[in-house]
PDB file of N, CA and C in Angstrom:
ATOM      1  N   MET A   1     -47.597-154.861 -36.146  1.00  0.00           N
ATOM      2  CA  MET A   1     -46.972-155.003 -37.457  1.00  0.00           C
ATOM      3  C   MET A   1     -46.743-156.482 -37.780  1.00  0.00           C
ATOM      4  N   ARG A   2     -46.430-157.270 -36.746  1.00  0.00           N
ATOM      5  CA  ARG A   2     -46.201-158.693 -36.992  1.00  0.00           C
ATOM      6  C   ARG A   2     -47.471-159.349 -37.525  1.00  0.00           C
ATOM      7  N   HIS A   3     -48.606-159.045 -36.913  1.00  0.00           N
ATOM      8  CA  HIS A   3     -49.869-159.627 -37.365  1.00  0.00           C
ATOM      9  C   HIS A   3     -50.238-159.131 -38.767  1.00  0.00           C
ATOM     10  N   TYR A   4     -49.958-157.869 -39.032  1.00  0.00           N
ATOM     11  CA  TYR A   4     -50.212-157.315 -40.364  1.00  0.00           C
ATOM     12  C   TYR A   4     -49.358-158.045 -41.407  1.00  0.00           C
ATOM     13  N   GLY A   5     -48.086-158.279 -41.079  1.00  0.00           N
ATOM     14  CA  GLY A   5     -47.199-159.010 -41.987  1.00  0.00           C
ATOM     15  C   GLY A   5     -47.659-160.438 -42.213  1.00  0.00           C
ATOM     16  N   THR A   6     -48.169-161.064 -41.149  1.00  0.00           N
ATOM     17  CA  THR A   6     -48.682-162.428 -41.288  1.00  0.00           C
ATOM     18  C   THR A   6     -49.877-162.458 -42.229  1.00  0.00           C
ATOM     19  N   GLY A   7     -50.824-161.555 -41.999  1.00  0.00           N
ATOM     20  CA  GLY A   7     -52.021-161.518 -42.841  1.00  0.00           C
ATOM     21  C   GLY A   7     -51.710-161.187 -44.288  1.00  0.00           C
ATOM     22  N   THR A   8     -50.831-160.226 -44.495  1.00  0.00           N
ATOM     23  CA  THR A   8     -50.463-159.848 -45.856  1.00  0.00           C
ATOM     24  C   THR A   8     -49.781-161.017 -46.570  1.00  0.00           C
ATOM     25  N   SER A   9     -48.895-161.699 -45.869  1.00  0.00           N
ATOM     26  CA  SER A   9     -48.190-162.820 -46.488  1.00  0.00           C
ATOM     27  C   SER A   9     -49.120-163.978 -46.781  1.00  0.00           C
ATOM     28  N   GLU A  10     -50.103-164.221 -45.915  1.00  0.00           N
ATOM     29  CA  GLU A  10     -51.089-165.266 -46.200  1.00  0.00           C
ATOM     30  C   GLU A  10     -51.900-164.899 -47.442  1.00  0.00           C
ATOM     31  N   TYR A  11     -52.257-163.641 -47.553  1.00  0.00           N
ATOM     32  CA  TYR A  11     -52.970-163.160 -48.744  1.00  0.00           C
ATOM     33  C   TYR A  11     -52.098-163.339 -49.989  1.00  0.00           C
ATOM     34  N   PHE A  12     -50.827-162.943 -49.885  1.00  0.00           N
ATOM     35  CA  PHE A  12     -49.918-163.079 -51.016  1.00  0.00           C
ATOM     36  C   PHE A  12     -49.749-164.546 -51.418  1.00  0.00           C
ATOM     37  N   ARG A  13     -49.683-165.433 -50.449  1.00  0.00           N
ATOM     38  CA  ARG A  13     -49.518-166.858 -50.770  1.00  0.00           C
ATOM     39  C   ARG A  13     -50.749-167.370 -51.525  1.00  0.00           C
ATOM     40  N   ARG A  14     -51.934-166.939 -51.086  1.00  0.00           N
ATOM     41  CA  ARG A  14     -53.174-167.388 -51.718  1.00  0.00           C
ATOM     42  C   ARG A  14     -53.333-166.830 -53.133  1.00  0.00           C
ATOM     43  N   TRP A  15     -52.924-165.594 -53.335  1.00  0.00           N
ATOM     44  CA  TRP A  15     -53.141-164.920 -54.616  1.00  0.00           C
ATOM     45  C   TRP A  15     -51.823-164.601 -55.326  1.00  0.00           C
ATOM     46  N   ARG A  16     -50.826-165.436 -55.180  1.00  0.00           N
ATOM     47  CA  ARG A  16     -49.477-165.186 -55.717  1.00  0.00           C
ATOM     48  C   ARG A  16     -49.487-164.919 -57.226  1.00  0.00           C
ATOM     49  N   GLU A  17     -50.287-165.644 -57.958  1.00  0.00           N
ATOM     50  CA  GLU A  17     -50.318-165.483 -59.425  1.00  0.00           C
ATOM     51  C   GLU A  17     -51.018-164.199 -59.856  1.00  0.00           C
ATOM     52  N   GLU A  18     -52.016-163.777 -59.101  1.00  0.00           N
ATOM     53  CA  GLU A  18     -52.800-162.595 -59.480  1.00  0.00           C
ATOM     54  C   GLU A  18     -52.215-161.289 -58.944  1.00  0.00           C
ATOM     55  N   GLU A  19     -51.405-161.352 -57.902  1.00  0.00           N
ATOM     56  CA  GLU A  19     -50.818-160.160 -57.272  1.00  0.00           C
ATOM     57  C   GLU A  19     -49.351-160.027 -57.676  1.00  0.00           C
ATOM     58  N   PRO A  20     -49.021-159.123 -58.594  1.00  0.00           N
ATOM     59  CA  PRO A  20     -47.629-158.987 -59.032  1.00  0.00           C
ATOM     60  C   PRO A  20     -46.666-158.683 -57.876  1.00  0.00           C
ATOM     61  N   ILE A  21     -47.091-157.877 -56.913  1.00  0.00           N
ATOM     62  CA  ILE A  21     -46.190-157.532 -55.799  1.00  0.00           C
ATOM     63  C   ILE A  21     -45.881-158.745 -54.930  1.00  0.00           C
ATOM     64  N   ALA A  22     -46.758-159.738 -54.927  1.00  0.00           N
ATOM     65  CA  ALA A  22     -46.537-160.942 -54.118  1.00  0.00           C
ATOM     66  C   ALA A  22     -45.279-161.673 -54.563  1.00  0.00           C
ATOM     67  N   ARG A  23     -44.943-161.561 -55.831  1.00  0.00           N
ATOM     68  CA  ARG A  23     -43.761-162.264 -56.356  1.00  0.00           C
ATOM     69  C   ARG A  23     -42.451-161.633 -55.906  1.00  0.00           C
ATOM     70  N   LEU A  24     -42.523-160.451 -55.290  1.00  0.00           N
ATOM     71  CA  LEU A  24     -41.306-159.806 -54.771  1.00  0.00           C
ATOM     72  C   LEU A  24     -40.834-160.419 -53.458  1.00  0.00           C
ATOM     73  N   PHE A  25     -41.720-161.163 -52.807  1.00  0.00           N
ATOM     74  CA  PHE A  25     -41.384-161.748 -51.514  1.00  0.00           C
ATOM     75  C   PHE A  25     -41.139-163.240 -51.671  1.00  0.00           C
ATOM     76  N   PRO A  26     -40.064-163.755 -51.064  1.00  0.00           N
ATOM     77  CA  PRO A  26     -39.758-165.182 -51.197  1.00  0.00           C
ATOM     78  C   PRO A  26     -40.876-166.050 -50.617  1.00  0.00           C
ATOM     79  N   ALA A  27     -41.188-167.138 -51.286  1.00  0.00           N
ATOM     80  CA  ALA A  27     -42.196-168.075 -50.797  1.00  0.00           C
ATOM     81  C   ALA A  27     -41.599-169.057 -49.792  1.00  0.00           C
ATOM     82  N   SER A  28     -40.301-169.214 -49.807  1.00  0.00           N
ATOM     83  CA  SER A  28     -39.621-170.137 -48.900  1.00  0.00           C
ATOM     84  C   SER A  28     -39.391-169.468 -47.547  1.00  0.00           C
ATOM     85  N   PRO A  29     -39.760-170.146 -46.444  1.00  0.00           N
ATOM     86  CA  PRO A  29     -39.515-169.565 -45.117  1.00  0.00           C
ATOM     87  C   PRO A  29     -38.021-169.304 -44.861  1.00  0.00           C
ATOM     88  N   SER A  30     -37.172-170.202 -45.324  1.00  0.00           N
ATOM     89  CA  SER A  30     -35.728-170.028 -45.113  1.00  0.00           C
ATOM     90  C   SER A  30     -35.209-168.794 -45.834  1.00  0.00           C
ATOM     91  N   ALA A  31     -35.634-168.621 -47.077  1.00  0.00           N
ATOM     92  CA  ALA A  31     -35.216-167.443 -47.848  1.00  0.00           C
ATOM     93  C   ALA A  31     -35.772-166.170 -47.211  1.00  0.00           C
ATOM     94  N   ARG A  32     -37.003-166.244 -46.736  1.00  0.00           N
ATOM     95  CA  ARG A  32     -37.624-165.071 -46.097  1.00  0.00           C
ATOM     96  C   ARG A  32     -36.840-164.674 -44.858  1.00  0.00           C
ATOM     97  N   LEU A  33     -36.429-165.651 -44.047  1.00  0.00           N
ATOM     98  CA  LEU A  33     -35.651-165.364 -42.840  1.00  0.00           C
ATOM     99  C   LEU A  33     -34.273-164.823 -43.195  1.00  0.00           C
ATOM    100  N   LEU A  34     -33.643-165.419 -44.178  1.00  0.00           N
ATOM    101  CA  LEU A  34     -32.312-164.981 -44.602  1.00  0.00           C
ATOM    102  C   LEU A  34     -32.333-163.550 -45.144  1.00  0.00           C
ATOM    103  N   LEU A  35     -33.379-163.214 -45.878  1.00  0.00           N
ATOM    104  CA  LEU A  35     -33.490-161.892 -46.499  1.00  0.00           C
ATOM    105  C   LEU A  35     -34.197-160.864 -45.613  1.00  0.00           C
ATOM    106  N   LEU A  36     -34.609-161.260 -44.411  1.00  0.00           N
ATOM    107  CA  LEU A  36     -35.373-160.372 -43.541  1.00  0.00           C
ATOM    108  C   LEU A  36     -34.721-159.004 -43.348  1.00  0.00           C
ATOM    109  N   PRO A  37     -33.430-158.907 -43.016  1.00  0.00           N
ATOM    110  CA  PRO A  37     -32.838-157.571 -42.843  1.00  0.00           C
ATOM    111  C   PRO A  37     -32.869-156.734 -44.124  1.00  0.00           C
ATOM    112  N   ALA A  38     -32.590-157.361 -45.252  1.00  0.00           N
ATOM    113  CA  ALA A  38     -32.592-156.625 -46.524  1.00  0.00           C
ATOM    114  C   ALA A  38     -34.006-156.185 -46.904  1.00  0.00           C
ATOM    115  N   LEU A  39     -34.985-157.053 -46.696  1.00  0.00           N
ATOM    116  CA  LEU A  39     -36.366-156.692 -46.997  1.00  0.00           C
ATOM    117  C   LEU A  39     -36.850-155.569 -46.080  1.00  0.00           C
ATOM    118  N   ALA A  40     -36.466-155.621 -44.805  1.00  0.00           N
ATOM    119  CA  ALA A  40     -36.847-154.559 -43.864  1.00  0.00           C
ATOM    120  C   ALA A  40     -36.188-153.235 -44.244  1.00  0.00           C
ATOM    121  N   ALA A  41     -34.930-153.290 -44.656  1.00  0.00           N
ATOM    122  CA  ALA A  41     -34.236-152.062 -45.077  1.00  0.00           C
ATOM    123  C   ALA A  41     -34.879-151.495 -46.348  1.00  0.00           C
ATOM    124  N   ALA A  42     -35.236-152.368 -47.281  1.00  0.00           N
ATOM    125  CA  ALA A  42     -35.878-151.906 -48.512  1.00  0.00           C
ATOM    126  C   ALA A  42     -37.243-151.293 -48.216  1.00  0.00           C
ATOM    127  N   GLY A  43     -37.998-151.901 -47.321  1.00  0.00           N
ATOM    128  CA  GLY A  43     -39.294-151.351 -46.935  1.00  0.00           C
ATOM    129  C   GLY A  43     -39.161-149.995 -46.270  1.00  0.00           C
ATOM    130  N   THR A  44     -38.158-149.849 -45.418  1.00  0.00           N
ATOM    131  CA  THR A  44     -37.910-148.567 -44.753  1.00  0.00           C
ATOM    132  C   THR A  44     -37.523-147.509 -45.775  1.00  0.00           C
ATOM    133  N   ALA A  45     -36.627-147.847 -46.686  1.00  0.00           N
ATOM    134  CA  ALA A  45     -36.212-146.892 -47.719  1.00  0.00           C
ATOM    135  C   ALA A  45     -37.405-146.457 -48.565  1.00  0.00           C
ATOM    136  N   TYR A  46     -38.271-147.396 -48.902  1.00  0.00           N
ATOM    137  CA  TYR A  46     -39.463-147.071 -49.682  1.00  0.00           C
ATOM    138  C   TYR A  46     -40.355-146.098 -48.920  1.00  0.00           C
ATOM    139  N   LEU A  47     -40.600-146.366 -47.643  1.00  0.00           N
ATOM    140  CA  LEU A  47     -41.474-145.497 -46.847  1.00  0.00           C
ATOM    141  C   LEU A  47     -40.885-144.094 -46.689  1.00  0.00           C
ATOM    142  N   VAL A  48     -39.585-144.019 -46.438  1.00  0.00           N
ATOM    143  CA  VAL A  48     -38.943-142.710 -46.283  1.00  0.00           C
ATOM    144  C   VAL A  48     -38.994-141.951 -47.606  1.00  0.00           C
ATOM    145  N   ALA A  49     -38.614-142.610 -48.696  1.00  0.00           N
ATOM    146  CA  ALA A  49     -38.608-141.941 -50.006  1.00  0.00           C
ATOM    147  C   ALA A  49     -40.005-141.494 -50.411  1.00  0.00           C
ATOM    148  N   ARG A  50     -40.996-142.305 -50.117  1.00  0.00           N
ATOM    149  CA  ARG A  50     -42.363-141.957 -50.491  1.00  0.00           C
ATOM    150  C   ARG A  50     -42.888-140.746 -49.708  1.00  0.00           C
ATOM    151  N   ASN A  51     -42.394-140.558 -48.490  1.00  0.00           N
ATOM    152  CA  ASN A  51     -42.885-139.470 -47.646  1.00  0.00           C
ATOM    153  C   ASN A  51     -42.057-138.190 -47.731  1.00  0.00           C
ATOM    154  N   LEU A  52     -40.890-138.263 -48.327  1.00  0.00           N
ATOM    155  CA  LEU A  52     -40.097-137.039 -48.499  1.00  0.00           C
ATOM    156  C   LEU A  52     -40.498-136.383 -49.807  1.00  0.00           C
ATOM    157  N   PRO A  53     -40.503-135.144 -49.993  1.00  0.00           N
ATOM    158  CA  PRO A  53     -40.155-134.058 -49.083  1.00  0.00           C
ATOM    159  C   PRO A  53     -41.342-133.521 -48.270  1.00  0.00           C
ATOM    160  N   GLN A  54     -42.574-134.002 -48.530  1.00  0.00           N
ATOM    161  CA  GLN A  54     -43.721-133.430 -47.836  1.00  0.00           C
ATOM    162  C   GLN A  54     -43.732-133.742 -46.338  1.00  0.00           C
ATOM    163  N   CYS A  55     -43.077-134.810 -45.896  1.00  0.00           N
ATOM    164  CA  CYS A  55     -42.990-135.164 -44.474  1.00  0.00           C
ATOM    165  C   CYS A  55     -41.523-135.357 -44.094  1.00  0.00           C
ATOM    166  N   PRO A  56     -40.808-134.262 -43.809  1.00  0.00           N
ATOM    167  CA  PRO A  56     -39.388-134.402 -43.485  1.00  0.00           C
ATOM    168  C   PRO A  56     -39.129-135.187 -42.199  1.00  0.00           C
ATOM    169  N   ASP A  57     -40.164-135.396 -41.387  1.00  0.00           N
ATOM    170  CA  ASP A  57     -39.995-136.193 -40.161  1.00  0.00           C
ATOM    171  C   ASP A  57     -39.708-137.658 -40.465  1.00  0.00           C
ATOM    172  N   ALA A  58     -39.951-138.085 -41.690  1.00  0.00           N
ATOM    173  CA  ALA A  58     -39.732-139.490 -42.046  1.00  0.00           C
ATOM    174  C   ALA A  58     -38.273-139.894 -41.857  1.00  0.00           C
ATOM    175  N   LEU A  59     -37.357-138.980 -42.120  1.00  0.00           N
ATOM    176  CA  LEU A  59     -35.936-139.319 -41.991  1.00  0.00           C
ATOM    177  C   LEU A  59     -35.532-139.579 -40.540  1.00  0.00           C
ATOM    178  N   PRO A  60     -35.819-138.670 -39.589  1.00  0.00           N
ATOM    179  CA  PRO A  60     -35.444-138.990 -38.206  1.00  0.00           C
ATOM    180  C   PRO A  60     -36.245-140.157 -37.616  1.00  0.00           C
ATOM    181  N   LEU A  61     -37.403-140.441 -38.180  1.00  0.00           N
ATOM    182  CA  LEU A  61     -38.205-141.568 -37.699  1.00  0.00           C
ATOM    183  C   LEU A  61     -37.834-142.886 -38.363  1.00  0.00           C
ATOM    184  N   SER A  62     -36.893-142.857 -39.284  1.00  0.00           N
ATOM    185  CA  SER A  62     -36.544-144.068 -40.033  1.00  0.00           C
ATOM    186  C   SER A  62     -36.100-145.240 -39.143  1.00  0.00           C
ATOM    187  N   PRO A  63     -35.405-145.014 -38.011  1.00  0.00           N
ATOM    188  CA  PRO A  63     -35.103-146.189 -37.159  1.00  0.00           C
ATOM    189  C   PRO A  63     -36.369-146.884 -36.653  1.00  0.00           C
ATOM    190  N   LEU A  64     -37.389-146.107 -36.303  1.00  0.00           N
ATOM    191  CA  LEU A  64     -38.645-146.717 -35.860  1.00  0.00           C
ATOM    192  C   LEU A  64     -39.363-147.409 -37.017  1.00  0.00           C
ATOM    193  N   LEU A  65     -39.296-146.801 -38.192  1.00  0.00           N
ATOM    194  CA  LEU A  65     -39.875-147.434 -39.372  1.00  0.00           C
ATOM    195  C   LEU A  65     -39.181-148.774 -39.654  1.00  0.00           C
ATOM    196  N   PHE A  66     -37.859-148.802 -39.474  1.00  0.00           N
ATOM    197  CA  PHE A  66     -37.100-150.035 -39.693  1.00  0.00           C
ATOM    198  C   PHE A  66     -37.546-151.125 -38.719  1.00  0.00           C
ATOM    199  N   VAL A  67     -37.718-150.774 -37.451  1.00  0.00           N
ATOM    200  CA  VAL A  67     -38.180-151.758 -36.459  1.00  0.00           C
ATOM    201  C   VAL A  67     -39.550-152.297 -36.863  1.00  0.00           C
ATOM    202  N   GLY A  68     -40.438-151.408 -37.300  1.00  0.00           N
ATOM    203  CA  GLY A  68     -41.750-151.848 -37.763  1.00  0.00           C
ATOM    204  C   GLY A  68     -41.648-152.778 -38.952  1.00  0.00           C
ATOM    205  N   GLN A  69     -40.740-152.485 -39.859  1.00  0.00           N
ATOM    206  CA  GLN A  69     -40.545-153.333 -41.033  1.00  0.00           C
ATOM    207  C   GLN A  69     -39.963-154.692 -40.651  1.00  0.00           C
ATOM    208  N   VAL A  70     -39.067-154.709 -39.668  1.00  0.00           N
ATOM    209  CA  VAL A  70     -38.536-155.994 -39.189  1.00  0.00           C
ATOM    210  C   VAL A  70     -39.685-156.852 -38.674  1.00  0.00           C
ATOM    211  N   TRP A  71     -40.562-156.275 -37.863  1.00  0.00           N
ATOM    212  CA  TRP A  71     -41.698-157.031 -37.327  1.00  0.00           C
ATOM    213  C   TRP A  71     -42.651-157.462 -38.437  1.00  0.00           C
ATOM    214  N   TRP A  72     -42.862-156.600 -39.429  1.00  0.00           N
ATOM    215  CA  TRP A  72     -43.729-156.951 -40.557  1.00  0.00           C
ATOM    216  C   TRP A  72     -43.148-158.150 -41.293  1.00  0.00           C
ATOM    217  N   GLN A  73     -41.837-158.122 -41.537  1.00  0.00           N
ATOM    218  CA  GLN A  73     -41.183-159.232 -42.234  1.00  0.00           C
ATOM    219  C   GLN A  73     -41.179-160.497 -41.374  1.00  0.00           C
ATOM    220  N   TRP A  74     -41.043-160.337 -40.058  1.00  0.00           N
ATOM    221  CA  TRP A  74     -41.081-161.505 -39.165  1.00  0.00           C
ATOM    222  C   TRP A  74     -42.461-162.172 -39.254  1.00  0.00           C
ATOM    223  N   GLY A  75     -43.512-161.368 -39.284  1.00  0.00           N
ATOM    224  CA  GLY A  75     -44.849-161.918 -39.469  1.00  0.00           C
ATOM    225  C   GLY A  75     -44.966-162.671 -40.783  1.00  0.00           C
ATOM    226  N   GLY A  76     -44.335-162.137 -41.823  1.00  0.00           N
ATOM    227  CA  GLY A  76     -44.317-162.829 -43.108  1.00  0.00           C
ATOM    228  C   GLY A  76     -43.587-164.156 -43.030  1.00  0.00           C
ATOM    229  N   TYR A  77     -42.488-164.169 -42.304  1.00  0.00           N
ATOM    230  CA  TYR A  77     -41.742-165.419 -42.106  1.00  0.00           C
ATOM    231  C   TYR A  77     -42.613-166.440 -41.379  1.00  0.00           C
ATOM    232  N   GLU A  78     -43.312-165.994 -40.333  1.00  0.00           N
ATOM    233  CA  GLU A  78     -44.191-166.907 -39.594  1.00  0.00           C
ATOM    234  C   GLU A  78     -45.296-167.466 -40.489  1.00  0.00           C
ATOM    235  N   ALA A  79     -45.852-166.618 -41.338  1.00  0.00           N
ATOM    236  CA  ALA A  79     -46.903-167.065 -42.251  1.00  0.00           C
ATOM    237  C   ALA A  79     -46.376-168.108 -43.240  1.00  0.00           C
ATOM    238  N   MET A  80     -45.143-167.944 -43.699  1.00  0.00           N
ATOM    239  CA  MET A  80     -44.583-168.885 -44.659  1.00  0.00           C
ATOM    240  C   MET A  80     -44.285-170.233 -44.011  1.00  0.00           C
ATOM    241  N   ARG A  81     -44.099-170.247 -42.701  1.00  0.00           N
ATOM    242  CA  ARG A  81     -43.833-171.496 -41.977  1.00  0.00           C
ATOM    243  C   ARG A  81     -45.095-172.326 -41.786  1.00  0.00           C
ATOM    244  N   LYS A  82     -46.262-171.693 -41.838  1.00  0.00           N
ATOM    245  CA  LYS A  82     -47.527-172.410 -41.638  1.00  0.00           C
ATOM    246  C   LYS A  82     -47.828-173.270 -42.863  1.00  0.00           C
ATOM    247  N   PRO A  83     -48.381-174.448 -42.645  1.00  0.00           N
ATOM    248  CA  PRO A  83     -48.803-175.236 -43.803  1.00  0.00           C
ATOM    249  C   PRO A  83     -49.969-174.569 -44.513  1.00  0.00           C
ATOM    250  N   CYS A  84     -50.059-174.785 -45.802  1.00  0.00           N
ATOM    251  CA  CYS A  84     -51.149-174.172 -46.600  1.00  0.00           C
ATOM    252  C   CYS A  84     -52.486-174.587 -46.183  1.00  0.00           C
TER     253      CYS A  84
END
């Protein structure tokens, strides 16, 4: 998930103007790190809501989804720290 987050964030940085969803993520590494828990919680809520009611297992699996989202956001933070 960390590598996926890194790649996605690098893509978002390159295509920030053309990708509307890219603007939802902070471009500043400091802001990304500060907002990491909130972004991970929002990502988890989105995944759970999107999978309910057809996949009721999403709710008990939400702690694992949250851990995955933390790693995804950490990868994004690492990508934002790299020079362009």
